[in-house]
PDB file of N, CA and C in Angstrom:
ATOM      1  N   MET A   1       8.035  -3.526  27.265  1.00  0.00           N
ATOM      2  CA  MET A   1       8.665  -2.897  28.466  1.00  0.00           C
ATOM      3  C   MET A   1       9.762  -2.084  27.702  1.00  0.00           C
ATOM      4  N   PRO A   2       9.345  -0.783  27.688  1.00  0.00           N
ATOM      5  CA  PRO A   2      10.299   0.359  27.309  1.00  0.00           C
ATOM      6  C   PRO A   2      11.671   0.265  28.162  1.00  0.00           C
ATOM      7  N   LEU A   3      12.714   0.783  27.344  1.00  0.00           N
ATOM      8  CA  LEU A   3      14.249   0.760  27.987  1.00  0.00           C
ATOM      9  C   LEU A   3      13.780   1.637  29.594  1.00  0.00           C
ATOM     10  N   PRO A   4      14.786   1.573  30.429  1.00  0.00           N
ATOM     11  CA  PRO A   4      14.759   2.021  31.767  1.00  0.00           C
ATOM     12  C   PRO A   4      14.834   3.312  31.284  1.00  0.00           C
ATOM     13  N   LYS A   5      14.099   4.668  32.344  1.00  0.00           N
ATOM     14  CA  LYS A   5      13.981   5.991  32.057  1.00  0.00           C
ATOM     15  C   LYS A   5      15.482   6.377  32.803  1.00  0.00           C
ATOM     16  N   SER A   6      16.341   5.955  33.565  1.00  0.00           N
ATOM     17  CA  SER A   6      18.005   6.106  33.603  1.00  0.00           C
ATOM     18  C   SER A   6      18.519   6.129  32.332  1.00  0.00           C
ATOM     19  N   LEU A   7      18.089   5.465  31.616  1.00  0.00           N
ATOM     20  CA  LEU A   7      19.028   5.609  30.082  1.00  0.00           C
ATOM     21  C   LEU A   7      18.373   6.449  29.213  1.00  0.00           C
ATOM     22  N   ALA A   8      17.015   6.601  29.555  1.00  0.00           N
ATOM     23  CA  ALA A   8      16.250   7.971  28.870  1.00  0.00           C
ATOM     24  C   ALA A   8      17.088   9.090  29.044  1.00  0.00           C
ATOM     25  N   SER A   9      17.229   9.485  30.412  1.00  0.00           N
ATOM     26  CA  SER A   9      17.824  10.540  31.137  1.00  0.00           C
ATOM     27  C   SER A   9      19.419  10.702  30.669  1.00  0.00           C
ATOM     28  N   PHE A  10      20.284   9.795  30.593  1.00  0.00           N
ATOM     29  CA  PHE A  10      21.610  10.020  30.223  1.00  0.00           C
ATOM     30  C   PHE A  10      21.536  10.236  28.789  1.00  0.00           C
ATOM     31  N   ASN A  11      20.552   9.488  27.752  1.00  0.00           N
ATOM     32  CA  ASN A  11      20.709  10.017  26.569  1.00  0.00           C
ATOM     33  C   ASN A  11      20.187  11.586  26.297  1.00  0.00           C
ATOM     34  N   ARG A  12      19.195  11.735  27.014  1.00  0.00           N
ATOM     35  CA  ARG A  12      18.680  13.409  27.108  1.00  0.00           C
ATOM     36  C   ARG A  12      20.294  14.321  27.290  1.00  0.00           C
ATOM     37  N   ARG A  13      20.840  14.005  28.208  1.00  0.00           N
ATOM     38  CA  ARG A  13      22.098  14.657  28.564  1.00  0.00           C
ATOM     39  C   ARG A  13      23.052  14.554  27.781  1.00  0.00           C
ATOM     40  N   VAL A  14      23.654  13.338  27.505  1.00  0.00           N
ATOM     41  CA  VAL A  14      24.476  13.237  26.698  1.00  0.00           C
ATOM     42  C   VAL A  14      24.338  12.841  25.230  1.00  0.00           C
ATOM     43  N   THR A  15      24.065  11.661  24.882  1.00  0.00           N
ATOM     44  CA  THR A  15      23.887  11.204  23.670  1.00  0.00           C
ATOM     45  C   THR A  15      23.099  12.042  23.004  1.00  0.00           C
ATOM     46  N   ASN A  16      21.930  12.630  23.114  1.00  0.00           N
ATOM     47  CA  ASN A  16      20.846  13.598  22.426  1.00  0.00           C
ATOM     48  C   ASN A  16      21.922  14.919  21.911  1.00  0.00           C
ATOM     49  N   LYS A  17      22.705  15.233  22.763  1.00  0.00           N
ATOM     50  CA  LYS A  17      23.574  16.268  22.291  1.00  0.00           C
ATOM     51  C   LYS A  17      24.360  16.034  21.083  1.00  0.00           C
ATOM     52  N   VAL A  18      24.816  15.060  20.737  1.00  0.00           N
ATOM     53  CA  VAL A  18      25.768  14.344  19.568  1.00  0.00           C
ATOM     54  C   VAL A  18      24.672  14.102  18.577  1.00  0.00           C
ATOM     55  N   SER A  19      23.855  13.360  18.978  1.00  0.00           N
ATOM     56  CA  SER A  19      23.072  13.086  17.851  1.00  0.00           C
ATOM     57  C   SER A  19      22.446  14.158  16.841  1.00  0.00           C
ATOM     58  N   ARG A  20      21.943  15.016  17.556  1.00  0.00           N
ATOM     59  CA  ARG A  20      21.200  16.165  16.981  1.00  0.00           C
ATOM     60  C   ARG A  20      22.245  17.211  16.080  1.00  0.00           C
ATOM     61  N   LEU A  21      23.429  16.394  16.238  1.00  0.00           N
ATOM     62  CA  LEU A  21      24.531  17.025  14.900  1.00  0.00           C
ATOM     63  C   LEU A  21      24.417  16.366  13.755  1.00  0.00           C
ATOM     64  N   VAL A  22      23.760  15.182  13.540  1.00  0.00           N
ATOM     65  CA  VAL A  22      23.866  14.063  12.184  1.00  0.00           C
ATOM     66  C   VAL A  22      22.501  13.801  12.177  1.00  0.00           C
ATOM     67  N   ALA A  23      21.481  13.924  13.192  1.00  0.00           N
ATOM     68  CA  ALA A  23      19.886  13.199  13.042  1.00  0.00           C
ATOM     69  C   ALA A  23      19.149  13.668  11.888  1.00  0.00           C
ATOM     70  N   GLY A  24      19.356  15.026  11.558  1.00  0.00           N
ATOM     71  CA  GLY A  24      18.513  15.592  10.864  1.00  0.00           C
ATOM     72  C   GLY A  24      19.123  15.215   9.224  1.00  0.00           C
ATOM     73  N   ARG A  25      20.034  14.782   9.304  1.00  0.00           N
ATOM     74  CA  ARG A  25      20.399  14.171   7.762  1.00  0.00           C
ATOM     75  C   ARG A  25      20.324  12.993   7.442  1.00  0.00           C
ATOM     76  N   LEU A  26      20.391  11.684   8.316  1.00  0.00           N
ATOM     77  CA  LEU A  26      20.565  10.649   8.124  1.00  0.00           C
ATOM     78  C   LEU A  26      19.333   9.713   7.848  1.00  0.00           C
ATOM     79  N   PRO A  27      19.389   8.739   6.869  1.00  0.00           N
ATOM     80  CA  PRO A  27      18.052   7.872   6.888  1.00  0.00           C
ATOM     81  C   PRO A  27      17.839   7.120   8.142  1.00  0.00           C
ATOM     82  N   GLY A  28      16.284   6.976   8.357  1.00  0.00           N
ATOM     83  CA  GLY A  28      15.922   6.475   9.300  1.00  0.00           C
ATOM     84  C   GLY A  28      15.971   7.219  10.968  1.00  0.00           C
ATOM     85  N   PHE A  29      16.585   8.619  10.697  1.00  0.00           N
ATOM     86  CA  PHE A  29      16.741   9.453  11.626  1.00  0.00           C
ATOM     87  C   PHE A  29      15.678  10.818  11.301  1.00  0.00           C
ATOM     88  N   GLY A  30      15.600  11.628  12.522  1.00  0.00           N
ATOM     89  CA  GLY A  30      15.104  12.692  12.571  1.00  0.00           C
ATOM     90  C   GLY A  30      14.851  13.582  13.663  1.00  0.00           C
ATOM     91  N   ILE A  31      15.102  14.816  13.900  1.00  0.00           N
ATOM     92  CA  ILE A  31      14.681  15.764  14.860  1.00  0.00           C
ATOM     93  C   ILE A  31      13.599  16.371  14.938  1.00  0.00           C
ATOM     94  N   VAL A  32      12.980  16.083  16.151  1.00  0.00           N
ATOM     95  CA  VAL A  32      11.206  16.083  16.518  1.00  0.00           C
ATOM     96  C   VAL A  32      11.686  17.702  17.118  1.00  0.00           C
ATOM     97  N   ASN A  33      11.137  18.998  16.310  1.00  0.00           N
ATOM     98  CA  ASN A  33      10.804  20.012  16.909  1.00  0.00           C
ATOM     99  C   ASN A  33       9.859  20.344  18.045  1.00  0.00           C
ATOM    100  N   HIS A  34       9.683  20.580  18.877  1.00  0.00           N
ATOM    101  CA  HIS A  34       8.455  20.257  19.681  1.00  0.00           C
ATOM    102  C   HIS A  34       8.123  21.747  20.806  1.00  0.00           C
ATOM    103  N   VAL A  35       7.331  21.863  21.473  1.00  0.00           N
ATOM    104  CA  VAL A  35       7.018  23.098  22.181  1.00  0.00           C
ATOM    105  C   VAL A  35       6.824  22.554  23.585  1.00  0.00           C
ATOM    106  N   GLY A  36       7.591  22.786  24.854  1.00  0.00           N
ATOM    107  CA  GLY A  36       7.126  22.362  26.123  1.00  0.00           C
ATOM    108  C   GLY A  36       5.605  22.577  26.431  1.00  0.00           C
ATOM    109  N   ARG A  37       4.885  21.669  26.801  1.00  0.00           N
ATOM    110  CA  ARG A  37       3.217  22.132  27.192  1.00  0.00           C
ATOM    111  C   ARG A  37       3.556  22.762  28.584  1.00  0.00           C
ATOM    112  N   ARG A  38       3.980  22.596  29.370  1.00  0.00           N
ATOM    113  CA  ARG A  38       3.917  23.710  30.429  1.00  0.00           C
ATOM    114  C   ARG A  38       4.827  24.683  30.284  1.00  0.00           C
ATOM    115  N   SER A  39       6.139  24.541  29.729  1.00  0.00           N
ATOM    116  CA  SER A  39       7.205  25.458  29.853  1.00  0.00           C
ATOM    117  C   SER A  39       7.087  26.501  28.695  1.00  0.00           C
ATOM    118  N   GLY A  40       6.817  25.919  27.580  1.00  0.00           N
ATOM    119  CA  GLY A  40       6.397  26.938  26.420  1.00  0.00           C
ATOM    120  C   GLY A  40       7.882  27.051  25.931  1.00  0.00           C
ATOM    121  N   ARG A  41       8.820  26.153  26.179  1.00  0.00           N
ATOM    122  CA  ARG A  41      10.280  26.300  25.535  1.00  0.00           C
ATOM    123  C   ARG A  41      10.056  25.084  24.588  1.00  0.00           C
ATOM    124  N   GLU A  42      10.979  25.589  23.569  1.00  0.00           N
ATOM    125  CA  GLU A  42      11.407  25.058  22.140  1.00  0.00           C
ATOM    126  C   GLU A  42      12.465  24.045  22.345  1.00  0.00           C
ATOM    127  N   TYR A  43      12.147  22.623  22.194  1.00  0.00           N
ATOM    128  CA  TYR A  43      13.110  21.365  22.031  1.00  0.00           C
ATOM    129  C   TYR A  43      13.006  20.655  20.858  1.00  0.00           C
ATOM    130  N   ARG A  44      14.432  19.744  20.617  1.00  0.00           N
ATOM    131  CA  ARG A  44      14.634  19.470  19.371  1.00  0.00           C
ATOM    132  C   ARG A  44      15.195  18.190  20.001  1.00  0.00           C
ATOM    133  N   THR A  45      14.657  17.135  19.674  1.00  0.00           N
ATOM    134  CA  THR A  45      14.527  15.928  20.131  1.00  0.00           C
ATOM    135  C   THR A  45      15.325  14.605  19.049  1.00  0.00           C
ATOM    136  N   PRO A  46      16.013  14.219  19.084  1.00  0.00           N
ATOM    137  CA  PRO A  46      16.586  13.312  17.953  1.00  0.00           C
ATOM    138  C   PRO A  46      15.750  11.828  18.327  1.00  0.00           C
ATOM    139  N   VAL A  47      15.388  11.467  17.250  1.00  0.00           N
ATOM    140  CA  VAL A  47      14.494  10.250  17.150  1.00  0.00           C
ATOM    141  C   VAL A  47      14.726   9.081  16.123  1.00  0.00           C
ATOM    142  N   ASN A  48      14.223   7.767  16.171  1.00  0.00           N
ATOM    143  CA  ASN A  48      14.503   7.100  14.862  1.00  0.00           C
ATOM    144  C   ASN A  48      13.298   7.572  14.128  1.00  0.00           C
ATOM    145  N   ALA A  49      12.800   7.595  13.136  1.00  0.00           N
ATOM    146  CA  ALA A  49      11.764   8.002  12.336  1.00  0.00           C
ATOM    147  C   ALA A  49      11.652   6.970  11.228  1.00  0.00           C
ATOM    148  N   PHE A  50      10.556   6.564  10.767  1.00  0.00           N
ATOM    149  CA  PHE A  50      10.373   5.602   9.725  1.00  0.00           C
ATOM    150  C   PHE A  50       9.139   6.276   8.881  1.00  0.00           C
ATOM    151  N   HIS A  51       9.582   6.200   7.755  1.00  0.00           N
ATOM    152  CA  HIS A  51       8.522   6.969   6.719  1.00  0.00           C
ATOM    153  C   HIS A  51       7.204   5.490   6.393  1.00  0.00           C
ATOM    154  N   HIS A  52       6.140   5.611   6.400  1.00  0.00           N
ATOM    155  CA  HIS A  52       5.327   4.863   6.430  1.00  0.00           C
ATOM    156  C   HIS A  52       3.955   5.325   5.692  1.00  0.00           C
ATOM    157  N   GLY A  53       4.200   4.912   4.514  1.00  0.00           N
ATOM    158  CA  GLY A  53       2.743   5.582   3.394  1.00  0.00           C
ATOM    159  C   GLY A  53       2.954   7.137   3.435  1.00  0.00           C
ATOM    160  N   ASP A  54       1.741   7.573   4.254  1.00  0.00           N
ATOM    161  CA  ASP A  54       1.457   9.388   4.238  1.00  0.00           C
ATOM    162  C   ASP A  54       1.802   9.707   5.895  1.00  0.00           C
ATOM    163  N   GLU A  55       2.633   8.919   6.571  1.00  0.00           N
ATOM    164  CA  GLU A  55       2.951   9.267   8.086  1.00  0.00           C
ATOM    165  C   GLU A  55       4.272   8.948   8.477  1.00  0.00           C
ATOM    166  N   TYR A  56       4.707   9.229   9.525  1.00  0.00           N
ATOM    167  CA  TYR A  56       5.969   8.915  10.075  1.00  0.00           C
ATOM    168  C   TYR A  56       5.521   8.003  11.318  1.00  0.00           C
ATOM    169  N   VAL A  57       6.078   7.071  11.603  1.00  0.00           N
ATOM    170  CA  VAL A  57       5.962   6.096  12.640  1.00  0.00           C
ATOM    171  C   VAL A  57       7.384   6.382  13.568  1.00  0.00           C
ATOM    172  N   PHE A  58       7.009   6.292  14.713  1.00  0.00           N
ATOM    173  CA  PHE A  58       8.421   6.660  15.552  1.00  0.00           C
ATOM    174  C   PHE A  58       8.116   5.443  16.868  1.00  0.00           C
ATOM    175  N   ALA A  59       9.071   4.218  17.116  1.00  0.00           N
ATOM    176  CA  ALA A  59       9.060   3.540  18.387  1.00  0.00           C
ATOM    177  C   ALA A  59       9.185   4.117  19.149  1.00  0.00           C
ATOM    178  N   LEU A  60       8.353   3.980  20.700  1.00  0.00           N
ATOM    179  CA  LEU A  60       8.865   4.566  21.878  1.00  0.00           C
ATOM    180  C   LEU A  60       9.368   3.653  22.679  1.00  0.00           C
ATOM    181  N   THR A  61      10.434   3.681  22.543  1.00  0.00           N
ATOM    182  CA  THR A  61      11.927   2.763  23.078  1.00  0.00           C
ATOM    183  C   THR A  61      11.853   3.117  24.470  1.00  0.00           C
ATOM    184  N   TYR A  62      11.460   4.254  24.721  1.00  0.00           N
ATOM    185  CA  TYR A  62      11.312   5.063  26.141  1.00  0.00           C
ATOM    186  C   TYR A  62       9.680   5.067  27.027  1.00  0.00           C
ATOM    187  N   GLY A  63       9.031   4.434  25.866  1.00  0.00           N
ATOM    188  CA  GLY A  63       7.590   4.869  26.347  1.00  0.00           C
ATOM    189  C   GLY A  63       7.047   6.182  26.140  1.00  0.00           C
ATOM    190  N   PRO A  64       5.938   6.482  26.297  1.00  0.00           N
ATOM    191  CA  PRO A  64       5.946   7.945  25.741  1.00  0.00           C
ATOM    192  C   PRO A  64       6.381   8.951  27.021  1.00  0.00           C
ATOM    193  N   GLY A  65       7.499   9.541  26.234  1.00  0.00           N
ATOM    194  CA  GLY A  65       8.226  10.541  27.127  1.00  0.00           C
ATOM    195  C   GLY A  65       7.788  12.222  26.791  1.00  0.00           C
ATOM    196  N   ASP A  66       8.175  12.910  27.381  1.00  0.00           N
ATOM    197  CA  ASP A  66       8.016  14.346  27.454  1.00  0.00           C
ATOM    198  C   ASP A  66       7.540  15.032  26.129  1.00  0.00           C
ATOM    199  N   TRP A  67       8.887  14.378  24.646  1.00  0.00           N
ATOM    200  CA  TRP A  67       8.552  14.871  23.807  1.00  0.00           C
ATOM    201  C   TRP A  67       6.876  14.219  23.092  1.00  0.00           C
ATOM    202  N   VAL A  68       6.691  13.128  23.621  1.00  0.00           N
ATOM    203  CA  VAL A  68       5.560  12.676  22.619  1.00  0.00           C
ATOM    204  C   VAL A  68       4.272  13.374  23.325  1.00  0.00           C
ATOM    205  N   LYS A  69       4.433  13.441  24.530  1.00  0.00           N
ATOM    206  CA  LYS A  69       3.144  14.158  25.614  1.00  0.00           C
ATOM    207  C   LYS A  69       3.339  15.875  24.895  1.00  0.00           C
ATOM    208  N   ASN A  70       4.437  15.950  24.788  1.00  0.00           N
ATOM    209  CA  ASN A  70       4.006  17.648  23.914  1.00  0.00           C
ATOM    210  C   ASN A  70       3.649  17.672  22.538  1.00  0.00           C
ATOM    211  N   VAL A  71       3.976  16.753  21.698  1.00  0.00           N
ATOM    212  CA  VAL A  71       3.284  16.712  20.099  1.00  0.00           C
ATOM    213  C   VAL A  71       2.335  16.614  20.544  1.00  0.00           C
ATOM    214  N   GLU A  72       1.665  15.531  21.304  1.00  0.00           N
ATOM    215  CA  GLU A  72       0.110  15.356  21.516  1.00  0.00           C
ATOM    216  C   GLU A  72      -0.511  16.104  21.716  1.00  0.00           C
ATOM    217  N   ALA A  73      -0.030  17.324  23.040  1.00  0.00           N
ATOM    218  CA  ALA A  73      -0.811  18.234  23.433  1.00  0.00           C
ATOM    219  C   ALA A  73      -1.028  19.466  22.327  1.00  0.00           C
ATOM    220  N   ALA A  74       0.096  19.324  21.523  1.00  0.00           N
ATOM    221  CA  ALA A  74       0.169  20.618  20.258  1.00  0.00           C
ATOM    222  C   ALA A  74      -0.588  19.820  19.104  1.00  0.00           C
ATOM    223  N   GLY A  75      -0.967  18.722  19.015  1.00  0.00           N
ATOM    224  CA  GLY A  75      -1.490  18.257  17.665  1.00  0.00           C
ATOM    225  C   GLY A  75      -0.941  18.084  16.667  1.00  0.00           C
ATOM    226  N   GLY A  76       0.576  18.082  17.039  1.00  0.00           N
ATOM    227  CA  GLY A  76       1.534  17.756  16.107  1.00  0.00           C
ATOM    228  C   GLY A  76       2.907  18.695  16.139  1.00  0.00           C
ATOM    229  N   CYS A  77       3.680  18.325  14.934  1.00  0.00           N
ATOM    230  CA  CYS A  77       5.249  19.287  15.371  1.00  0.00           C
ATOM    231  C   CYS A  77       5.701  19.316  14.021  1.00  0.00           C
ATOM    232  N   THR A  78       7.056  19.771  13.559  1.00  0.00           N
ATOM    233  CA  THR A  78       8.096  19.657  12.522  1.00  0.00           C
ATOM    234  C   THR A  78       9.077  18.921  13.029  1.00  0.00           C
ATOM    235  N   MET A  79       9.692  18.243  11.522  1.00  0.00           N
ATOM    236  CA  MET A  79      10.684  17.586  11.841  1.00  0.00           C
ATOM    237  C   MET A  79      11.832  17.607  10.974  1.00  0.00           C
ATOM    238  N   GLN A  80      13.244  17.530  11.361  1.00  0.00           N
ATOM    239  CA  GLN A  80      13.877  17.670  10.025  1.00  0.00           C
ATOM    240  C   GLN A  80      14.661  16.132   9.976  1.00  0.00           C
ATOM    241  N   THR A  81      14.246  15.803   8.641  1.00  0.00           N
ATOM    242  CA  THR A  81      14.989  14.460   8.240  1.00  0.00           C
ATOM    243  C   THR A  81      15.274  14.574   6.922  1.00  0.00           C
ATOM    244  N   ARG A  82      16.567  13.833   6.587  1.00  0.00           N
ATOM    245  CA  ARG A  82      17.295  13.835   5.614  1.00  0.00           C
ATOM    246  C   ARG A  82      17.531  15.304   4.844  1.00  0.00           C
ATOM    247  N   GLY A  83      17.504  16.381   5.677  1.00  0.00           N
ATOM    248  CA  GLY A  83      17.848  17.722   5.482  1.00  0.00           C
ATOM    249  C   GLY A  83      16.672  18.718   4.757  1.00  0.00           C
ATOM    250  N   ARG A  84      15.400  18.101   5.007  1.00  0.00           N
ATOM    251  CA  ARG A  84      14.268  18.818   4.854  1.00  0.00           C
ATOM    252  C   ARG A  84      13.627  18.900   5.984  1.00  0.00           C
ATOM    253  N   THR A  85      12.476  19.913   6.073  1.00  0.00           N
ATOM    254  CA  THR A  85      11.626  19.888   7.441  1.00  0.00           C
ATOM    255  C   THR A  85      10.233  19.391   6.699  1.00  0.00           C
ATOM    256  N   VAL A  86       9.931  18.669   7.694  1.00  0.00           N
ATOM    257  CA  VAL A  86       8.403  17.822   7.446  1.00  0.00           C
ATOM    258  C   VAL A  86       7.449  18.371   8.191  1.00  0.00           C
ATOM    259  N   HIS A  87       6.190  18.662   7.766  1.00  0.00           N
ATOM    260  CA  HIS A  87       5.182  19.178   8.841  1.00  0.00           C
ATOM    261  C   HIS A  87       4.300  17.816   9.291  1.00  0.00           C
ATOM    262  N   LEU A  88       3.997  17.747  10.900  1.00  0.00           N
ATOM    263  CA  LEU A  88       3.446  16.184  11.007  1.00  0.00           C
ATOM    264  C   LEU A  88       2.281  17.008  12.063  1.00  0.00           C
ATOM    265  N   THR A  89       0.933  16.234  11.508  1.00  0.00           N
ATOM    266  CA  THR A  89      -0.038  16.397  12.517  1.00  0.00           C
ATOM    267  C   THR A  89      -0.794  14.974  12.998  1.00  0.00           C
ATOM    268  N   THR A  90      -1.858  15.137  13.677  1.00  0.00           N
ATOM    269  CA  THR A  90      -2.311  14.102  14.039  1.00  0.00           C
ATOM    270  C   THR A  90      -2.063  12.961  14.636  1.00  0.00           C
ATOM    271  N   PRO A  91      -1.011  13.157  15.953  1.00  0.00           N
ATOM    272  CA  PRO A  91      -0.455  12.082  16.634  1.00  0.00           C
ATOM    273  C   PRO A  91      -1.313  11.182  17.037  1.00  0.00           C
ATOM    274  N   ARG A  92      -0.942  10.081  16.708  1.00  0.00           N
ATOM    275  CA  ARG A  92      -2.100   8.670  17.677  1.00  0.00           C
ATOM    276  C   ARG A  92      -0.833   7.490  17.755  1.00  0.00           C
ATOM    277  N   ARG A  93      -0.827   7.203  19.310  1.00  0.00           N
ATOM    278  CA  ARG A  93      -0.310   6.269  19.729  1.00  0.00           C
ATOM    279  C   ARG A  93      -0.887   5.211  19.868  1.00  0.00           C
ATOM    280  N   PHE A  94      -0.105   3.742  19.259  1.00  0.00           N
ATOM    281  CA  PHE A  94      -0.766   2.706  19.314  1.00  0.00           C
ATOM    282  C   PHE A  94       0.326   1.596  19.366  1.00  0.00           C
ATOM    283  N   THR A  95      -0.499   0.018  19.878  1.00  0.00           N
ATOM    284  CA  THR A  95       0.517  -0.885  20.022  1.00  0.00           C
ATOM    285  C   THR A  95       0.608  -1.815  18.874  1.00  0.00           C
ATOM    286  N   ASP A  96       1.566  -2.706  18.469  1.00  0.00           N
ATOM    287  CA  ASP A  96       1.300  -3.477  17.368  1.00  0.00           C
ATOM    288  C   ASP A  96       2.583  -4.558  17.846  1.00  0.00           C
ATOM    289  N   ALA A  97       1.867  -5.360  18.265  1.00  0.00           N
ATOM    290  CA  ALA A  97       2.897  -6.715  18.854  1.00  0.00           C
ATOM    291  C   ALA A  97       3.935  -7.126  17.120  1.00  0.00           C
ATOM    292  N   THR A  98       3.314  -7.052  16.252  1.00  0.00           N
ATOM    293  CA  THR A  98       4.307  -7.588  15.112  1.00  0.00           C
ATOM    294  C   THR A  98       5.396  -6.412  14.476  1.00  0.00           C
ATOM    295  N   ARG A  99       5.220  -5.150  15.114  1.00  0.00           N
ATOM    296  CA  ARG A  99       5.680  -4.075  14.581  1.00  0.00           C
ATOM    297  C   ARG A  99       5.767  -4.173  13.174  1.00  0.00           C
ATOM    298  N   SER A 100       4.737  -3.734  12.648  1.00  0.00           N
ATOM    299  CA  SER A 100       4.880  -4.208  11.139  1.00  0.00           C
ATOM    300  C   SER A 100       4.922  -2.583  10.456  1.00  0.00           C
ATOM    301  N   PRO A 101       4.865  -1.395  11.393  1.00  0.00           N
ATOM    302  CA  PRO A 101       4.810  -0.338  10.753  1.00  0.00           C
ATOM    303  C   PRO A 101       6.686   0.086  10.678  1.00  0.00           C
ATOM    304  N   VAL A 102       7.078  -0.320  11.027  1.00  0.00           N
ATOM    305  CA  VAL A 102       8.707  -0.201  10.715  1.00  0.00           C
ATOM    306  C   VAL A 102       9.392  -0.881   9.997  1.00  0.00           C
ATOM    307  N   PRO A 103      10.547  -0.957   9.610  1.00  0.00           N
ATOM    308  CA  PRO A 103      11.252  -1.964   8.416  1.00  0.00           C
ATOM    309  C   PRO A 103      11.569  -3.380   9.544  1.00  0.00           C
ATOM    310  N   GLY A 104      11.592  -3.929   8.327  1.00  0.00           N
ATOM    311  CA  GLY A 104      12.052  -5.481   8.675  1.00  0.00           C
ATOM    312  C   GLY A 104      13.180  -5.745   9.606  1.00  0.00           C
ATOM    313  N   ALA A 105      14.184  -4.824   9.113  1.00  0.00           N
ATOM    314  CA  ALA A 105      15.488  -5.203   9.920  1.00  0.00           C
ATOM    315  C   ALA A 105      15.642  -4.411  11.441  1.00  0.00           C
ATOM    316  N   VAL A 106      14.386  -3.786  11.662  1.00  0.00           N
ATOM    317  CA  VAL A 106      14.357  -3.104  12.951  1.00  0.00           C
ATOM    318  C   VAL A 106      13.388  -3.977  13.858  1.00  0.00           C
ATOM    319  N   ARG A 107      12.543  -4.566  13.386  1.00  0.00           N
ATOM    320  CA  ARG A 107      11.625  -5.325  14.294  1.00  0.00           C
ATOM    321  C   ARG A 107      12.332  -6.395  15.014  1.00  0.00           C
ATOM    322  N   PRO A 108      13.328  -7.072  14.726  1.00  0.00           N
ATOM    323  CA  PRO A 108      13.875  -7.851  15.897  1.00  0.00           C
ATOM    324  C   PRO A 108      14.538  -7.270  16.977  1.00  0.00           C
ATOM    325  N   ILE A 109      14.933  -6.123  16.747  1.00  0.00           N
ATOM    326  CA  ILE A 109      15.813  -5.195  17.907  1.00  0.00           C
ATOM    327  C   ILE A 109      14.636  -4.707  18.436  1.00  0.00           C
ATOM    328  N   LEU A 110      13.145  -4.394  18.352  1.00  0.00           N
ATOM    329  CA  LEU A 110      12.280  -3.981  18.738  1.00  0.00           C
ATOM    330  C   LEU A 110      11.729  -5.107  19.763  1.00  0.00           C
ATOM    331  N   ARG A 111      11.764  -6.199  19.411  1.00  0.00           N
ATOM    332  CA  ARG A 111      10.983  -7.507  19.755  1.00  0.00           C
ATOM    333  C   ARG A 111      12.224  -7.755  20.840  1.00  0.00           C
ATOM    334  N   LEU A 112      13.659  -7.794  20.626  1.00  0.00           N
ATOM    335  CA  LEU A 112      14.647  -7.897  21.870  1.00  0.00           C
ATOM    336  C   LEU A 112      14.426  -7.234  22.663  1.00  0.00           C
ATOM    337  N   ILE A 113      14.134  -5.866  22.671  1.00  0.00           N
ATOM    338  CA  ILE A 113      13.761  -4.841  24.064  1.00  0.00           C
ATOM    339  C   ILE A 113      12.470  -4.974  24.278  1.00  0.00           C
ATOM    340  N   ASP A 114      11.616  -5.429  23.605  1.00  0.00           N
ATOM    341  CA  ASP A 114      10.134  -5.769  24.100  1.00  0.00           C
ATOM    342  C   ASP A 114       9.406  -4.540  23.637  1.00  0.00           C
ATOM    343  N   VAL A 115       9.747  -3.858  22.949  1.00  0.00           N
ATOM    344  CA  VAL A 115       8.844  -2.404  22.587  1.00  0.00           C
ATOM    345  C   VAL A 115       7.786  -2.797  21.394  1.00  0.00           C
ATOM    346  N   ASP A 116       6.744  -2.482  21.619  1.00  0.00           N
ATOM    347  CA  ASP A 116       5.696  -2.717  21.011  1.00  0.00           C
ATOM    348  C   ASP A 116       4.452  -1.416  20.904  1.00  0.00           C
ATOM    349  N   GLU A 117       5.007  -0.330  21.509  1.00  0.00           N
ATOM    350  CA  GLU A 117       4.465   0.744  21.057  1.00  0.00           C
ATOM    351  C   GLU A 117       4.804   2.086  20.352  1.00  0.00           C
ATOM    352  N   PHE A 118       3.885   2.750  19.744  1.00  0.00           N
ATOM    353  CA  PHE A 118       4.514   3.327  18.636  1.00  0.00           C
ATOM    354  C   PHE A 118       3.671   4.990  18.519  1.00  0.00           C
ATOM    355  N   LEU A 119       4.061   5.595  18.049  1.00  0.00           N
ATOM    356  CA  LEU A 119       3.608   6.996  17.680  1.00  0.00           C
ATOM    357  C   LEU A 119       3.397   7.328  16.382  1.00  0.00           C
ATOM    358  N   ALA A 120       2.062   7.583  15.443  1.00  0.00           N
ATOM    359  CA  ALA A 120       2.277   7.844  14.273  1.00  0.00           C
ATOM    360  C   ALA A 120       1.842   9.341  13.907  1.00  0.00           C
ATOM    361  N   MET A 121       2.255   9.950  13.167  1.00  0.00           N
ATOM    362  CA  MET A 121       1.693  11.178  12.592  1.00  0.00           C
ATOM    363  C   MET A 121       1.823  11.626  11.011  1.00  0.00           C
ATOM    364  N   ARG A 122       0.893  12.148  11.067  1.00  0.00           N
ATOM    365  CA  ARG A 122       0.307  12.140   9.388  1.00  0.00           C
ATOM    366  C   ARG A 122       1.058  13.590   8.859  1.00  0.00           C
ATOM    367  N   ILE A 123       1.929  13.259   7.406  1.00  0.00           N
ATOM    368  CA  ILE A 123       2.604  14.335   6.821  1.00  0.00           C
ATOM    369  C   ILE A 123       1.543  15.026   6.472  1.00  0.00           C
ATOM    370  N   THR A 124       1.852  16.439   6.664  1.00  0.00           N
ATOM    371  CA  THR A 124       0.996  17.468   5.735  1.00  0.00           C
ATOM    372  C   THR A 124       1.992  18.608   5.260  1.00  0.00           C
ATOM    373  N   THR A 125       1.060  19.541   4.200  1.00  0.00           N
ATOM    374  CA  THR A 125       1.942  20.606   3.803  1.00  0.00           C
ATOM    375  C   THR A 125       1.964  21.505   4.608  1.00  0.00           C
ATOM    376  N   GLY A 126       2.904  22.354   5.084  1.00  0.00           N
ATOM    377  CA  GLY A 126       2.973  23.714   5.601  1.00  0.00           C
ATOM    378  C   GLY A 126       2.236  23.772   6.831  1.00  0.00           C
TER     379      GLY A 126
END
């Protein structure tokens, strides 16, 4: 069960504004650049991002919110992470009760908040 939508709404209005200042440079974080599927507006959403093989994995702590739906509709996005831009394609949602695609230190936290839904995207060049 993802975190409440009211918390997601608060984070979108308040916390994300602060997070965007550093999320593109810190390990384990990124800023997903995506376009609204209805509005056509460009968005920058701070996320936890975990490099796993040839893809990045995102724990959907609030469920499949707008940014996830926008990325799925577009077939990918770009992300700033650790000071560089990464191109991501082929978004796929999946459930993993073991939470194995994320680092071991993160798994207990996701288990505690009962999150086992993820989004993975393949890293591409340009």
